[in-house]
PDB file of N, CA and C in Angstrom:
ATOM      1  N   MET A   1      -8.636 280.086-157.464  1.00  0.00           N
ATOM      2  CA  MET A   1      -9.408 281.303-157.596  1.00  0.00           C
ATOM      3  C   MET A   1      -8.881 282.324-156.591  1.00  0.00           C
ATOM      4  N   ARG A   2      -8.708 283.567-157.093  1.00  0.00           N
ATOM      5  CA  ARG A   2      -8.161 284.595-156.214  1.00  0.00           C
ATOM      6  C   ARG A   2      -8.663 285.959-156.672  1.00  0.00           C
ATOM      7  N   VAL A   3      -9.147 286.774-155.732  1.00  0.00           N
ATOM      8  CA  VAL A   3      -9.477 288.166-156.040  1.00  0.00           C
ATOM      9  C   VAL A   3      -8.155 288.901-156.240  1.00  0.00           C
ATOM     10  N   VAL A   4      -7.997 289.532-157.432  1.00  0.00           N
ATOM     11  CA  VAL A   4      -6.730 290.200-157.737  1.00  0.00           C
ATOM     12  C   VAL A   4      -6.836 291.718-157.709  1.00  0.00           C
ATOM     13  N   ALA A   5      -8.057 292.244-157.789  1.00  0.00           N
ATOM     14  CA  ALA A   5      -8.241 293.702-157.757  1.00  0.00           C
ATOM     15  C   ALA A   5      -9.716 294.028-157.654  1.00  0.00           C
ATOM     16  N   ARG A   6      -9.970 295.288-157.343  1.00  0.00           N
ATOM     17  CA  ARG A   6     -11.318 295.865-157.450  1.00  0.00           C
ATOM     18  C   ARG A   6     -11.305 296.685-158.724  1.00  0.00           C
ATOM     19  N   ALA A   7     -12.337 296.576-159.522  1.00  0.00           N
ATOM     20  CA  ALA A   7     -12.386 297.243-160.828  1.00  0.00           C
ATOM     21  C   ALA A   7     -12.135 298.739-160.723  1.00  0.00           C
ATOM     22  N   ALA A   8     -12.662 299.376-159.696  1.00  0.00           N
ATOM     23  CA  ALA A   8     -12.550 300.832-159.565  1.00  0.00           C
ATOM     24  C   ALA A   8     -11.133 301.310-159.244  1.00  0.00           C
ATOM     25  N   GLU A   9     -10.256 300.416-158.799  1.00  0.00           N
ATOM     26  CA  GLU A   9      -8.912 300.847-158.405  1.00  0.00           C
ATOM     27  C   GLU A   9      -7.953 301.006-159.584  1.00  0.00           C
ATOM     28  N   ILE A  10      -8.349 300.543-160.781  1.00  0.00           N
ATOM     29  CA  ILE A  10      -7.450 300.606-161.933  1.00  0.00           C
ATOM     30  C   ILE A  10      -8.085 301.477-163.013  1.00  0.00           C
ATOM     31  N   PRO A  11      -7.511 302.647-163.292  1.00  0.00           N
ATOM     32  CA  PRO A  11      -8.080 303.515-164.327  1.00  0.00           C
ATOM     33  C   PRO A  11      -7.857 302.927-165.724  1.00  0.00           C
ATOM     34  N   VAL A  12      -8.650 303.351-166.679  1.00  0.00           N
ATOM     35  CA  VAL A  12      -8.434 302.950-168.072  1.00  0.00           C
ATOM     36  C   VAL A  12      -7.014 303.357-168.450  1.00  0.00           C
ATOM     37  N   GLY A  13      -6.285 302.431-169.050  1.00  0.00           N
ATOM     38  CA  GLY A  13      -4.884 302.661-169.382  1.00  0.00           C
ATOM     39  C   GLY A  13      -3.941 302.250-168.274  1.00  0.00           C
ATOM     40  N   GLY A  14      -4.492 301.835-167.143  1.00  0.00           N
ATOM     41  CA  GLY A  14      -3.679 301.462-166.000  1.00  0.00           C
ATOM     42  C   GLY A  14      -3.420 299.974-165.926  1.00  0.00           C
ATOM     43  N   SER A  15      -2.598 299.604-164.959  1.00  0.00           N
ATOM     44  CA  SER A  15      -2.270 298.201-164.755  1.00  0.00           C
ATOM     45  C   SER A  15      -1.992 297.947-163.276  1.00  0.00           C
ATOM     46  N   LYS A  16      -1.970 296.676-162.932  1.00  0.00           N
ATOM     47  CA  LYS A  16      -1.664 296.279-161.558  1.00  0.00           C
ATOM     48  C   LYS A  16      -0.908 294.957-161.610  1.00  0.00           C
ATOM     49  N   ILE A  17       0.140 294.855-160.811  1.00  0.00           N
ATOM     50  CA  ILE A  17       0.913 293.627-160.687  1.00  0.00           C
ATOM     51  C   ILE A  17       0.287 292.787-159.571  1.00  0.00           C
ATOM     52  N   PHE A  18       0.185 291.487-159.816  1.00  0.00           N
ATOM     53  CA  PHE A  18      -0.317 290.564-158.804  1.00  0.00           C
ATOM     54  C   PHE A  18       0.368 289.213-159.019  1.00  0.00           C
ATOM     55  N   THR A  19       0.132 288.263-158.152  1.00  0.00           N
ATOM     56  CA  THR A  19       0.677 286.927-158.323  1.00  0.00           C
ATOM     57  C   THR A  19      -0.462 285.931-158.483  1.00  0.00           C
ATOM     58  N   TYR A  20      -0.214 284.923-159.335  1.00  0.00           N
ATOM     59  CA  TYR A  20      -1.217 283.885-159.580  1.00  0.00           C
ATOM     60  C   TYR A  20      -0.573 282.818-160.450  1.00  0.00           C
ATOM     61  N   PRO A  21      -0.833 281.562-160.286  1.00  0.00           N
ATOM     62  CA  PRO A  21      -1.686 280.961-159.269  1.00  0.00           C
ATOM     63  C   PRO A  21      -1.016 280.823-157.906  1.00  0.00           C
ATOM     64  N   SER A  22       0.325 280.955-157.861  1.00  0.00           N
ATOM     65  CA  SER A  22       0.992 280.921-156.560  1.00  0.00           C
ATOM     66  C   SER A  22       1.545 282.305-156.245  1.00  0.00           C
ATOM     67  N   ASP A  23       2.068 282.468-155.050  1.00  0.00           N
ATOM     68  CA  ASP A  23       2.593 283.766-154.621  1.00  0.00           C
ATOM     69  C   ASP A  23       3.941 284.113-155.246  1.00  0.00           C
ATOM     70  N   ILE A  24       4.503 283.230-156.059  1.00  0.00           N
ATOM     71  CA  ILE A  24       5.804 283.519-156.684  1.00  0.00           C
ATOM     72  C   ILE A  24       5.707 283.647-158.205  1.00  0.00           C
ATOM     73  N   GLU A  25       4.511 283.651-158.756  1.00  0.00           N
ATOM     74  CA  GLU A  25       4.325 283.754-160.205  1.00  0.00           C
ATOM     75  C   GLU A  25       3.718 285.120-160.536  1.00  0.00           C
ATOM     76  N   PRO A  26       4.561 286.053-161.023  1.00  0.00           N
ATOM     77  CA  PRO A  26       4.071 287.412-161.269  1.00  0.00           C
ATOM     78  C   PRO A  26       3.168 287.493-162.495  1.00  0.00           C
ATOM     79  N   CYS A  27       2.120 288.284-162.363  1.00  0.00           N
ATOM     80  CA  CYS A  27       1.158 288.517-163.441  1.00  0.00           C
ATOM     81  C   CYS A  27       0.873 290.009-163.527  1.00  0.00           C
ATOM     82  N   ILE A  28       0.257 290.405-164.627  1.00  0.00           N
ATOM     83  CA  ILE A  28      -0.111 291.807-164.807  1.00  0.00           C
ATOM     84  C   ILE A  28      -1.561 291.888-165.267  1.00  0.00           C
ATOM     85  N   LEU A  29      -2.311 292.719-164.593  1.00  0.00           N
ATOM     86  CA  LEU A  29      -3.705 293.008-164.922  1.00  0.00           C
ATOM     87  C   LEU A  29      -3.723 294.353-165.628  1.00  0.00           C
ATOM     88  N   ILE A  30      -4.362 294.412-166.796  1.00  0.00           N
ATOM     89  CA  ILE A  30      -4.441 295.676-167.531  1.00  0.00           C
ATOM     90  C   ILE A  30      -5.894 296.066-167.754  1.00  0.00           C
ATOM     91  N   HIS A  31      -6.115 297.359-167.918  1.00  0.00           N
ATOM     92  CA  HIS A  31      -7.449 297.918-168.153  1.00  0.00           C
ATOM     93  C   HIS A  31      -7.365 298.785-169.418  1.00  0.00           C
ATOM     94  N   PRO A  32      -7.365 298.142-170.603  1.00  0.00           N
ATOM     95  CA  PRO A  32      -7.141 298.874-171.845  1.00  0.00           C
ATOM     96  C   PRO A  32      -8.317 299.742-172.301  1.00  0.00           C
ATOM     97  N   ALA A  33      -9.527 299.413-171.888  1.00  0.00           N
ATOM     98  CA  ALA A  33     -10.715 300.170-172.307  1.00  0.00           C
ATOM     99  C   ALA A  33     -11.792 300.011-171.249  1.00  0.00           C
ATOM    100  N   ALA A  34     -12.780 300.895-171.306  1.00  0.00           N
ATOM    101  CA  ALA A  34     -13.891 300.811-170.353  1.00  0.00           C
ATOM    102  C   ALA A  34     -14.483 299.402-170.376  1.00  0.00           C
ATOM    103  N   ASP A  35     -14.706 298.845-169.202  1.00  0.00           N
ATOM    104  CA  ASP A  35     -15.292 297.511-169.033  1.00  0.00           C
ATOM    105  C   ASP A  35     -14.468 296.380-169.631  1.00  0.00           C
ATOM    106  N   THR A  36     -13.184 296.604-169.900  1.00  0.00           N
ATOM    107  CA  THR A  36     -12.304 295.549-170.412  1.00  0.00           C
ATOM    108  C   THR A  36     -11.113 295.393-169.476  1.00  0.00           C
ATOM    109  N   PHE A  37     -10.987 294.219-168.923  1.00  0.00           N
ATOM    110  CA  PHE A  37      -9.857 293.874-168.072  1.00  0.00           C
ATOM    111  C   PHE A  37      -9.244 292.591-168.616  1.00  0.00           C
ATOM    112  N   LEU A  38      -7.926 292.575-168.736  1.00  0.00           N
ATOM    113  CA  LEU A  38      -7.199 291.406-169.224  1.00  0.00           C
ATOM    114  C   LEU A  38      -6.025 291.157-168.292  1.00  0.00           C
ATOM    115  N   ALA A  39      -5.585 289.918-168.224  1.00  0.00           N
ATOM    116  CA  ALA A  39      -4.443 289.600-167.370  1.00  0.00           C
ATOM    117  C   ALA A  39      -3.580 288.535-168.030  1.00  0.00           C
ATOM    118  N   PHE A  40      -2.272 288.668-167.816  1.00  0.00           N
ATOM    119  CA  PHE A  40      -1.294 287.768-168.403  1.00  0.00           C
ATOM    120  C   PHE A  40      -0.183 287.492-167.394  1.00  0.00           C
ATOM    121  N   SER A  41       0.544 286.411-167.638  1.00  0.00           N
ATOM    122  CA  SER A  41       1.781 286.207-166.901  1.00  0.00           C
ATOM    123  C   SER A  41       2.683 287.393-167.205  1.00  0.00           C
ATOM    124  N   ARG A  42       3.470 287.803-166.234  1.00  0.00           N
ATOM    125  CA  ARG A  42       4.372 288.937-166.434  1.00  0.00           C
ATOM    126  C   ARG A  42       5.780 288.455-166.825  1.00  0.00           C
ATOM    127  N   THR A  43       5.953 287.172-166.994  1.00  0.00           N
ATOM    128  CA  THR A  43       7.255 286.588-167.289  1.00  0.00           C
ATOM    129  C   THR A  43       7.398 286.342-168.790  1.00  0.00           C
ATOM    130  N   CYS A  44       8.352 287.029-169.416  1.00  0.00           N
ATOM    131  CA  CYS A  44       8.598 286.870-170.846  1.00  0.00           C
ATOM    132  C   CYS A  44       8.915 285.410-171.152  1.00  0.00           C
ATOM    133  N   THR A  45       8.386 284.915-172.267  1.00  0.00           N
ATOM    134  CA  THR A  45       8.600 283.517-172.646  1.00  0.00           C
ATOM    135  C   THR A  45       9.966 283.288-173.284  1.00  0.00           C
ATOM    136  N   HIS A  46      10.775 284.328-173.415  1.00  0.00           N
ATOM    137  CA  HIS A  46      12.111 284.173-173.980  1.00  0.00           C
ATOM    138  C   HIS A  46      13.152 283.919-172.880  1.00  0.00           C
ATOM    139  N   ALA A  47      13.371 284.927-172.024  1.00  0.00           N
ATOM    140  CA  ALA A  47      14.420 284.803-171.003  1.00  0.00           C
ATOM    141  C   ALA A  47      13.905 285.090-169.595  1.00  0.00           C
ATOM    142  N   SER A  48      12.593 285.045-169.420  1.00  0.00           N
ATOM    143  CA  SER A  48      11.950 285.198-168.109  1.00  0.00           C
ATOM    144  C   SER A  48      12.089 286.580-167.484  1.00  0.00           C
ATOM    145  N   CYS A  49      12.371 287.610-168.267  1.00  0.00           N
ATOM    146  CA  CYS A  49      12.379 288.987-167.755  1.00  0.00           C
ATOM    147  C   CYS A  49      10.943 289.453-167.544  1.00  0.00           C
ATOM    148  N   ALA A  50      10.750 290.473-166.747  1.00  0.00           N
ATOM    149  CA  ALA A  50       9.421 291.032-166.508  1.00  0.00           C
ATOM    150  C   ALA A  50       8.973 291.895-167.682  1.00  0.00           C
ATOM    151  N   VAL A  51       7.714 291.744-168.091  1.00  0.00           N
ATOM    152  CA  VAL A  51       7.151 292.596-169.135  1.00  0.00           C
ATOM    153  C   VAL A  51       6.429 293.772-168.489  1.00  0.00           C
ATOM    154  N   PHE A  52       6.324 294.854-169.251  1.00  0.00           N
ATOM    155  CA  PHE A  52       5.690 296.091-168.783  1.00  0.00           C
ATOM    156  C   PHE A  52       4.621 296.513-169.775  1.00  0.00           C
ATOM    157  N   TYR A  53       3.514 297.053-169.255  1.00  0.00           N
ATOM    158  CA  TYR A  53       2.394 297.494-170.091  1.00  0.00           C
ATOM    159  C   TYR A  53       2.653 298.889-170.637  1.00  0.00           C
ATOM    160  N   HIS A  54       2.496 299.036-171.950  1.00  0.00           N
ATOM    161  CA  HIS A  54       2.604 300.322-172.638  1.00  0.00           C
ATOM    162  C   HIS A  54       1.259 300.590-173.301  1.00  0.00           C
ATOM    163  N   PRO A  55       0.332 301.258-172.586  1.00  0.00           N
ATOM    164  CA  PRO A  55      -1.020 301.432-173.112  1.00  0.00           C
ATOM    165  C   PRO A  55      -1.065 302.238-174.407  1.00  0.00           C
ATOM    166  N   GLU A  56      -0.130 303.172-174.583  1.00  0.00           N
ATOM    167  CA  GLU A  56      -0.144 303.996-175.796  1.00  0.00           C
ATOM    168  C   GLU A  56       0.085 303.156-177.055  1.00  0.00           C
ATOM    169  N   ASP A  57       0.758 302.022-176.922  1.00  0.00           N
ATOM    170  CA  ASP A  57       1.013 301.127-178.056  1.00  0.00           C
ATOM    171  C   ASP A  57       0.223 299.824-177.971  1.00  0.00           C
ATOM    172  N   ASN A  58      -0.511 299.638-176.888  1.00  0.00           N
ATOM    173  CA  ASN A  58      -1.284 298.419-176.623  1.00  0.00           C
ATOM    174  C   ASN A  58      -0.389 297.173-176.662  1.00  0.00           C
ATOM    175  N   VAL A  59       0.774 297.278-175.996  1.00  0.00           N
ATOM    176  CA  VAL A  59       1.704 296.159-175.952  1.00  0.00           C
ATOM    177  C   VAL A  59       2.189 295.902-174.530  1.00  0.00           C
ATOM    178  N   LEU A  60       2.654 294.687-174.334  1.00  0.00           N
ATOM    179  CA  LEU A  60       3.384 294.292-173.145  1.00  0.00           C
ATOM    180  C   LEU A  60       4.813 294.089-173.637  1.00  0.00           C
ATOM    181  N   ALA A  61       5.719 294.943-173.186  1.00  0.00           N
ATOM    182  CA  ALA A  61       7.079 294.970-173.710  1.00  0.00           C
ATOM    183  C   ALA A  61       8.068 294.380-172.725  1.00  0.00           C
ATOM    184  N   CYS A  62       9.049 293.655-173.276  1.00  0.00           N
ATOM    185  CA  CYS A  62      10.136 293.103-172.486  1.00  0.00           C
ATOM    186  C   CYS A  62      11.396 293.889-172.808  1.00  0.00           C
ATOM    187  N   PRO A  63      11.970 294.585-171.824  1.00  0.00           N
ATOM    188  CA  PRO A  63      13.133 295.416-172.085  1.00  0.00           C
ATOM    189  C   PRO A  63      14.438 294.645-172.263  1.00  0.00           C
ATOM    190  N   CYS A  64      14.484 293.389-171.891  1.00  0.00           N
ATOM    191  CA  CYS A  64      15.741 292.632-171.940  1.00  0.00           C
ATOM    192  C   CYS A  64      16.244 292.401-173.364  1.00  0.00           C
ATOM    193  N   HIS A  65      15.348 292.014-174.282  1.00  0.00           N
ATOM    194  CA  HIS A  65      15.752 291.701-175.652  1.00  0.00           C
ATOM    195  C   HIS A  65      14.760 292.272-176.667  1.00  0.00           C
ATOM    196  N   GLN A  66      14.037 293.323-176.280  1.00  0.00           N
ATOM    197  CA  GLN A  66      13.094 294.024-177.129  1.00  0.00           C
ATOM    198  C   GLN A  66      11.952 293.134-177.632  1.00  0.00           C
ATOM    199  N   GLY A  67      11.545 292.190-176.832  1.00  0.00           N
ATOM    200  CA  GLY A  67      10.368 291.393-177.153  1.00  0.00           C
ATOM    201  C   GLY A  67       9.120 292.212-176.902  1.00  0.00           C
ATOM    202  N   ALA A  68       8.061 291.914-177.646  1.00  0.00           N
ATOM    203  CA  ALA A  68       6.787 292.613-177.455  1.00  0.00           C
ATOM    204  C   ALA A  68       5.641 291.641-177.695  1.00  0.00           C
ATOM    205  N   PHE A  69       4.626 291.806-176.880  1.00  0.00           N
ATOM    206  CA  PHE A  69       3.436 290.964-176.946  1.00  0.00           C
ATOM    207  C   PHE A  69       2.213 291.854-177.105  1.00  0.00           C
ATOM    208  N   SER A  70       1.206 291.382-177.824  1.00  0.00           N
ATOM    209  CA  SER A  70      -0.051 292.104-177.950  1.00  0.00           C
ATOM    210  C   SER A  70      -0.740 292.154-176.588  1.00  0.00           C
ATOM    211  N   ALA A  71      -1.185 293.349-176.196  1.00  0.00           N
ATOM    212  CA  ALA A  71      -1.929 293.477-174.944  1.00  0.00           C
ATOM    213  C   ALA A  71      -3.367 292.990-175.111  1.00  0.00           C
ATOM    214  N   ALA A  72      -3.776 292.704-176.345  1.00  0.00           N
ATOM    215  CA  ALA A  72      -5.129 292.197-176.580  1.00  0.00           C
ATOM    216  C   ALA A  72      -5.229 290.700-176.314  1.00  0.00           C
ATOM    217  N   ASP A  73      -4.156 289.948-176.687  1.00  0.00           N
ATOM    218  CA  ASP A  73      -4.243 288.498-176.537  1.00  0.00           C
ATOM    219  C   ASP A  73      -2.949 287.816-176.090  1.00  0.00           C
ATOM    220  N   GLY A  74      -1.884 288.581-175.870  1.00  0.00           N
ATOM    221  CA  GLY A  74      -0.625 288.013-175.411  1.00  0.00           C
ATOM    222  C   GLY A  74       0.239 287.415-176.500  1.00  0.00           C
ATOM    223  N   SER A  75      -0.189 287.524-177.769  1.00  0.00           N
ATOM    224  CA  SER A  75       0.589 286.947-178.863  1.00  0.00           C
ATOM    225  C   SER A  75       1.881 287.721-179.084  1.00  0.00           C
ATOM    226  N   VAL A  76       2.887 287.043-179.598  1.00  0.00           N
ATOM    227  CA  VAL A  76       4.182 287.652-179.877  1.00  0.00           C
ATOM    228  C   VAL A  76       4.046 288.562-181.098  1.00  0.00           C
ATOM    229  N   ILE A  77       4.514 289.823-180.964  1.00  0.00           N
ATOM    230  CA  ILE A  77       4.479 290.735-182.108  1.00  0.00           C
ATOM    231  C   ILE A  77       5.863 291.252-182.484  1.00  0.00           C
ATOM    232  N   ALA A  78       6.877 291.007-181.648  1.00  0.00           N
ATOM    233  CA  ALA A  78       8.237 291.436-181.990  1.00  0.00           C
ATOM    234  C   ALA A  78       9.242 290.719-181.116  1.00  0.00           C
ATOM    235  N   GLY A  79      10.456 290.584-181.652  1.00  0.00           N
ATOM    236  CA  GLY A  79      11.574 290.080-180.872  1.00  0.00           C
ATOM    237  C   GLY A  79      11.668 288.577-180.818  1.00  0.00           C
ATOM    238  N   PRO A  80      12.453 288.091-179.879  1.00  0.00           N
ATOM    239  CA  PRO A  80      12.773 286.659-179.815  1.00  0.00           C
ATOM    240  C   PRO A  80      11.822 285.751-179.029  1.00  0.00           C
ATOM    241  N   PRO A  81      10.781 286.238-178.331  1.00  0.00           N
ATOM    242  CA  PRO A  81       9.971 285.292-177.557  1.00  0.00           C
ATOM    243  C   PRO A  81       9.396 284.183-178.452  1.00  0.00           C
ATOM    244  N   PRO A  82       9.539 282.923-178.025  1.00  0.00           N
ATOM    245  CA  PRO A  82       9.069 281.808-178.842  1.00  0.00           C
ATOM    246  C   PRO A  82       7.580 281.483-178.701  1.00  0.00           C
ATOM    247  N   ARG A  83       6.949 281.983-177.644  1.00  0.00           N
ATOM    248  CA  ARG A  83       5.551 281.641-177.372  1.00  0.00           C
ATOM    249  C   ARG A  83       4.806 282.859-176.848  1.00  0.00           C
ATOM    250  N   PRO A  84       3.486 282.854-176.985  1.00  0.00           N
ATOM    251  CA  PRO A  84       2.693 283.936-176.378  1.00  0.00           C
ATOM    252  C   PRO A  84       2.794 283.909-174.860  1.00  0.00           C
ATOM    253  N   LEU A  85       2.400 285.009-174.240  1.00  0.00           N
ATOM    254  CA  LEU A  85       2.299 285.043-172.780  1.00  0.00           C
ATOM    255  C   LEU A  85       1.108 284.210-172.339  1.00  0.00           C
ATOM    256  N   PRO A  86       1.241 283.425-171.284  1.00  0.00           N
ATOM    257  CA  PRO A  86       0.071 282.755-170.730  1.00  0.00           C
ATOM    258  C   PRO A  86      -0.959 283.804-170.267  1.00  0.00           C
ATOM    259  N   ARG A  87      -2.224 283.512-170.535  1.00  0.00           N
ATOM    260  CA  ARG A  87      -3.312 284.430-170.177  1.00  0.00           C
ATOM    261  C   ARG A  87      -3.989 283.943-168.906  1.00  0.00           C
ATOM    262  N   VAL A  88      -4.256 284.871-168.008  1.00  0.00           N
ATOM    263  CA  VAL A  88      -4.992 284.574-166.787  1.00  0.00           C
ATOM    264  C   VAL A  88      -6.468 284.826-167.079  1.00  0.00           C
ATOM    265  N   THR A  89      -7.304 283.812-166.871  1.00  0.00           N
ATOM    266  CA  THR A  89      -8.739 284.006-167.079  1.00  0.00           C
ATOM    267  C   THR A  89      -9.311 284.759-165.886  1.00  0.00           C
ATOM    268  N   LEU A  90     -10.191 285.694-166.188  1.00  0.00           N
ATOM    269  CA  LEU A  90     -10.780 286.556-165.171  1.00  0.00           C
ATOM    270  C   LEU A  90     -12.291 286.447-165.185  1.00  0.00           C
ATOM    271  N   GLU A  91     -12.884 286.627-164.033  1.00  0.00           N
ATOM    272  CA  GLU A  91     -14.332 286.805-163.894  1.00  0.00           C
ATOM    273  C   GLU A  91     -14.559 288.073-163.102  1.00  0.00           C
ATOM    274  N   ARG A  92     -15.570 288.814-163.486  1.00  0.00           N
ATOM    275  CA  ARG A  92     -15.944 289.998-162.710  1.00  0.00           C
ATOM    276  C   ARG A  92     -17.123 289.621-161.836  1.00  0.00           C
ATOM    277  N   ARG A  93     -16.947 289.802-160.544  1.00  0.00           N
ATOM    278  CA  ARG A  93     -18.001 289.496-159.568  1.00  0.00           C
ATOM    279  C   ARG A  93     -18.273 290.766-158.797  1.00  0.00           C
ATOM    280  N   GLY A  94     -19.264 291.523-159.266  1.00  0.00           N
ATOM    281  CA  GLY A  94     -19.511 292.850-158.714  1.00  0.00           C
ATOM    282  C   GLY A  94     -18.326 293.725-159.065  1.00  0.00           C
ATOM    283  N   GLN A  95     -17.667 294.299-158.069  1.00  0.00           N
ATOM    284  CA  GLN A  95     -16.467 295.108-158.301  1.00  0.00           C
ATOM    285  C   GLN A  95     -15.181 294.299-158.234  1.00  0.00           C
ATOM    286  N   ASP A  96     -15.279 293.028-157.824  1.00  0.00           N
ATOM    287  CA  ASP A  96     -14.083 292.195-157.710  1.00  0.00           C
ATOM    288  C   ASP A  96     -13.704 291.573-159.053  1.00  0.00           C
ATOM    289  N   LEU A  97     -12.401 291.598-159.346  1.00  0.00           N
ATOM    290  CA  LEU A  97     -11.847 290.893-160.501  1.00  0.00           C
ATOM    291  C   LEU A  97     -11.156 289.651-159.948  1.00  0.00           C
ATOM    292  N   VAL A  98     -11.622 288.499-160.391  1.00  0.00           N
ATOM    293  CA  VAL A  98     -11.196 287.232-159.828  1.00  0.00           C
ATOM    294  C   VAL A  98     -10.448 286.417-160.885  1.00  0.00           C
ATOM    295  N   ALA A  99      -9.218 286.014-160.571  1.00  0.00           N
ATOM    296  CA  ALA A  99      -8.452 285.123-161.441  1.00  0.00           C
ATOM    297  C   ALA A  99      -8.989 283.711-161.220  1.00  0.00           C
ATOM    298  N   THR A 100      -9.316 283.034-162.334  1.00  0.00           N
ATOM    299  CA  THR A 100      -9.931 281.711-162.236  1.00  0.00           C
ATOM    300  C   THR A 100      -9.137 280.605-162.908  1.00  0.00           C
ATOM    301  N   GLY A 101      -8.111 280.963-163.679  1.00  0.00           N
ATOM    302  CA  GLY A 101      -7.324 279.937-164.359  1.00  0.00           C
ATOM    303  C   GLY A 101      -6.186 280.554-165.154  1.00  0.00           C
ATOM    304  N   LEU A 102      -5.363 279.684-165.734  1.00  0.00           N
ATOM    305  CA  LEU A 102      -4.220 280.102-166.529  1.00  0.00           C
ATOM    306  C   LEU A 102      -4.244 279.313-167.825  1.00  0.00           C
ATOM    307  N   VAL A 103      -4.212 280.021-168.960  1.00  0.00           N
ATOM    308  CA  VAL A 103      -4.241 279.389-170.278  1.00  0.00           C
ATOM    309  C   VAL A 103      -2.899 279.642-170.938  1.00  0.00           C
ATOM    310  N   LYS A 104      -2.160 278.569-171.190  1.00  0.00           N
ATOM    311  CA  LYS A 104      -0.860 278.717-171.844  1.00  0.00           C
ATOM    312  C   LYS A 104      -1.060 278.785-173.354  1.00  0.00           C
ATOM    313  N   GLY A 105      -0.298 279.691-173.983  1.00  0.00           N
ATOM    314  CA  GLY A 105      -0.450 279.907-175.417  1.00  0.00           C
ATOM    315  C   GLY A 105       0.265 278.916-176.269  1.00  0.00           C
TER     316      GLY A 105
END
């Protein structure tokens, strides 16, 4: 369990990079809509490149081989990735967003 952000620090359409469950595993926290926060591993399941949030398209995109994942659930929507992005489970505790687990797709 780890506090990864305060809800007020991320505007709607914004994102924040954090690590979880260890300090060497990059993740991305996104705020796609009011009162909605989602988090995923930031490592593409194809070639381990970093994914980036594109709120205008609601995708997490990998620039290395044009892979794309749904920002709603981490599922593969384009390119060569063989598996969805692992999802980080979150709990909201007051203003704190707390990572509580990792669900592999």
